[in-house]
Amino acid sequence: MIRVVSKGIFYEDKTDEALKLYEELVAESQKEKGCVSYNLYRDMEDGTILTMMEEWESEKALEEHKKSEHFTKIVPVISKLRKHSELNIYKKIL
């Protein structure tokens, strides 16, 4: 099992634009083979912090996701809307 945690701090005036893009990304990603869960969270104290939490059956499924049309189209646009981002990929060990 692979877990991805992708946290972004967005420019205040770009957060709503990012949310609209994430709607399509989440909807399409949840349909992918190997996707266990794919959800977006918003920080309760700072609305400009959005965190994607994903779970994939395997590294192969994650790699296929990164090649998908919706990912390659949407993620570069989202990247331009944030000030800072952090990406962590974890492999379940216990």
C-alpha atoms as a PDB file:
ATOM      1  CA  MET A   1       0.000   0.000   0.000  1.00  0.00           C
ATOM      2  CA  ILE A   2       1.292   3.451  -0.937  1.00  0.00           C
ATOM      3  CA  ARG A   3       0.166   6.678   0.739  1.00  0.00           C
ATOM      4  CA  VAL A   4       0.760  10.110  -0.804  1.00  0.00           C
ATOM      5  CA  VAL A   5       0.398  13.342   1.171  1.00  0.00           C
ATOM      6  CA  SER A   6       0.665  16.472  -0.955  1.00  0.00           C
ATOM      7  CA  LYS A   7       0.310  19.761   0.918  1.00  0.00           C
ATOM      8  CA  GLY A   8       0.073  23.112  -0.818  1.00  0.00           C
ATOM      9  CA  ILE A   9      -0.056  26.644   0.523  1.00  0.00           C
ATOM     10  CA  PHE A  10      -1.915  28.671  -2.075  1.00  0.00           C
ATOM     11  CA  TYR A  11      -1.960  32.344  -2.888  1.00  0.00           C
ATOM     12  CA  GLU A  12      -5.046  33.739  -1.190  1.00  0.00           C
ATOM     13  CA  ASP A  13      -6.614  34.979  -4.420  1.00  0.00           C
ATOM     14  CA  LYS A  14      -5.926  31.645  -6.185  1.00  0.00           C
ATOM     15  CA  THR A  15      -7.380  29.166  -3.687  1.00  0.00           C
ATOM     16  CA  ASP A  16     -10.864  29.087  -5.246  1.00  0.00           C
ATOM     17  CA  GLU A  17      -9.352  28.535  -8.689  1.00  0.00           C
ATOM     18  CA  ALA A  18      -7.315  25.651  -7.306  1.00  0.00           C
ATOM     19  CA  LEU A  19     -10.410  24.112  -5.700  1.00  0.00           C
ATOM     20  CA  LYS A  20     -12.199  24.062  -9.060  1.00  0.00           C
ATOM     21  CA  LEU A  21      -9.252  22.283 -10.664  1.00  0.00           C
ATOM     22  CA  TYR A  22      -9.058  19.800  -7.806  1.00  0.00           C
ATOM     23  CA  GLU A  23     -12.736  18.886  -8.324  1.00  0.00           C
ATOM     24  CA  GLU A  24     -11.928  17.361 -11.714  1.00  0.00           C
ATOM     25  CA  LEU A  25      -8.648  15.844 -10.531  1.00  0.00           C
ATOM     26  CA  VAL A  26     -10.293  14.099  -7.577  1.00  0.00           C
ATOM     27  CA  ALA A  27     -13.294  12.858  -9.567  1.00  0.00           C
ATOM     28  CA  GLU A  28     -11.159  11.369 -12.333  1.00  0.00           C
ATOM     29  CA  SER A  29      -8.460   9.969 -10.042  1.00  0.00           C
ATOM     30  CA  GLN A  30     -10.987   8.136  -7.864  1.00  0.00           C
ATOM     31  CA  LYS A  31     -12.030   6.154 -10.980  1.00  0.00           C
ATOM     32  CA  GLU A  32      -8.513   4.896 -11.656  1.00  0.00           C
ATOM     33  CA  LYS A  33      -7.518   1.270 -11.304  1.00  0.00           C
ATOM     34  CA  GLY A  34      -5.514   0.819  -8.110  1.00  0.00           C
ATOM     35  CA  CYS A  35      -6.886   3.907  -6.373  1.00  0.00           C
ATOM     36  CA  VAL A  36      -7.956   3.045  -2.822  1.00  0.00           C
ATOM     37  CA  SER A  37      -8.741   6.641  -1.811  1.00  0.00           C
ATOM     38  CA  TYR A  38      -8.090  10.111  -3.212  1.00  0.00           C
ATOM     39  CA  ASN A  39      -9.377  13.044  -1.166  1.00  0.00           C
ATOM     40  CA  LEU A  40      -8.689  16.737  -0.727  1.00  0.00           C
ATOM     41  CA  TYR A  41      -8.652  18.384   2.702  1.00  0.00           C
ATOM     42  CA  ARG A  42      -8.650  22.052   3.689  1.00  0.00           C
ATOM     43  CA  ASP A  43      -6.930  23.275   6.837  1.00  0.00           C
ATOM     44  CA  MET A  44      -9.500  24.363   9.428  1.00  0.00           C
ATOM     45  CA  GLU A  45      -7.498  27.412  10.524  1.00  0.00           C
ATOM     46  CA  ASP A  46      -5.888  28.527   7.264  1.00  0.00           C
ATOM     47  CA  GLY A  47      -8.089  28.122   4.197  1.00  0.00           C
ATOM     48  CA  THR A  48      -5.163  28.604   1.836  1.00  0.00           C
ATOM     49  CA  ILE A  49      -3.693  25.247   2.901  1.00  0.00           C
ATOM     50  CA  LEU A  50      -5.016  22.342   0.840  1.00  0.00           C
ATOM     51  CA  THR A  51      -3.780  18.792   1.332  1.00  0.00           C
ATOM     52  CA  MET A  52      -4.358  15.855  -0.978  1.00  0.00           C
ATOM     53  CA  MET A  53      -4.266  12.459   0.728  1.00  0.00           C
ATOM     54  CA  GLU A  54      -4.105   9.486  -1.595  1.00  0.00           C
ATOM     55  CA  GLU A  55      -3.839   5.764  -1.132  1.00  0.00           C
ATOM     56  CA  TRP A  56      -2.795   3.420  -3.935  1.00  0.00           C
ATOM     57  CA  GLU A  57      -2.675  -0.377  -4.109  1.00  0.00           C
ATOM     58  CA  SER A  58       0.881  -0.336  -5.468  1.00  0.00           C
ATOM     59  CA  GLU A  59       3.754   1.778  -6.728  1.00  0.00           C
ATOM     60  CA  LYS A  60       2.766   0.744 -10.251  1.00  0.00           C
ATOM     61  CA  ALA A  61      -0.750   2.148  -9.765  1.00  0.00           C
ATOM     62  CA  LEU A  62       0.723   5.441  -8.532  1.00  0.00           C
ATOM     63  CA  GLU A  63       3.082   5.631 -11.509  1.00  0.00           C
ATOM     64  CA  GLU A  64       0.180   5.036 -13.907  1.00  0.00           C
ATOM     65  CA  HIS A  65      -1.768   7.809 -12.149  1.00  0.00           C
ATOM     66  CA  LYS A  66       1.101  10.237 -12.720  1.00  0.00           C
ATOM     67  CA  LYS A  67       0.890   9.476 -16.463  1.00  0.00           C
ATOM     68  CA  SER A  68      -2.890   9.914 -16.697  1.00  0.00           C
ATOM     69  CA  GLU A  69      -4.314  12.626 -18.928  1.00  0.00           C
ATOM     70  CA  HIS A  70      -6.111  14.442 -16.108  1.00  0.00           C
ATOM     71  CA  PHE A  71      -3.003  14.434 -13.884  1.00  0.00           C
ATOM     72  CA  THR A  72      -0.638  15.729 -16.579  1.00  0.00           C
ATOM     73  CA  LYS A  73      -3.158  18.396 -17.585  1.00  0.00           C
ATOM     74  CA  ILE A  74      -4.283  19.675 -14.172  1.00  0.00           C
ATOM     75  CA  VAL A  75      -1.321  19.341 -11.789  1.00  0.00           C
ATOM     76  CA  PRO A  76       0.993  21.769 -13.665  1.00  0.00           C
ATOM     77  CA  VAL A  77      -1.746  24.424 -13.544  1.00  0.00           C
ATOM     78  CA  ILE A  78      -2.352  23.850  -9.825  1.00  0.00           C
ATOM     79  CA  SER A  79       1.406  24.147  -9.211  1.00  0.00           C
ATOM     80  CA  LYS A  80       1.382  27.721 -10.512  1.00  0.00           C
ATOM     81  CA  LEU A  81      -1.304  28.743  -8.002  1.00  0.00           C
ATOM     82  CA  ARG A  82       0.602  27.917  -4.837  1.00  0.00           C
ATOM     83  CA  LYS A  83       3.399  29.587  -2.906  1.00  0.00           C
ATOM     84  CA  HIS A  84       4.817  26.433  -1.426  1.00  0.00           C
ATOM     85  CA  SER A  85       4.264  22.708  -1.584  1.00  0.00           C
ATOM     86  CA  GLU A  86       5.438  19.570   0.152  1.00  0.00           C
ATOM     87  CA  LEU A  87       5.120  16.025  -1.152  1.00  0.00           C
ATOM     88  CA  ASN A  88       5.660  12.862   0.871  1.00  0.00           C
ATOM     89  CA  ILE A  89       5.204   9.322  -0.435  1.00  0.00           C
ATOM     90  CA  TYR A  90       4.992   6.513   2.101  1.00  0.00           C
ATOM     91  CA  LYS A  91       5.037   2.745   1.793  1.00  0.00           C
ATOM     92  CA  LYS A  92       3.072   0.813   4.397  1.00  0.00           C
ATOM     93  CA  ILE A  93       5.360  -1.365   6.477  1.00  0.00           C
ATOM     94  CA  LEU A  94       3.137  -2.637   9.323  1.00  0.00           C
END
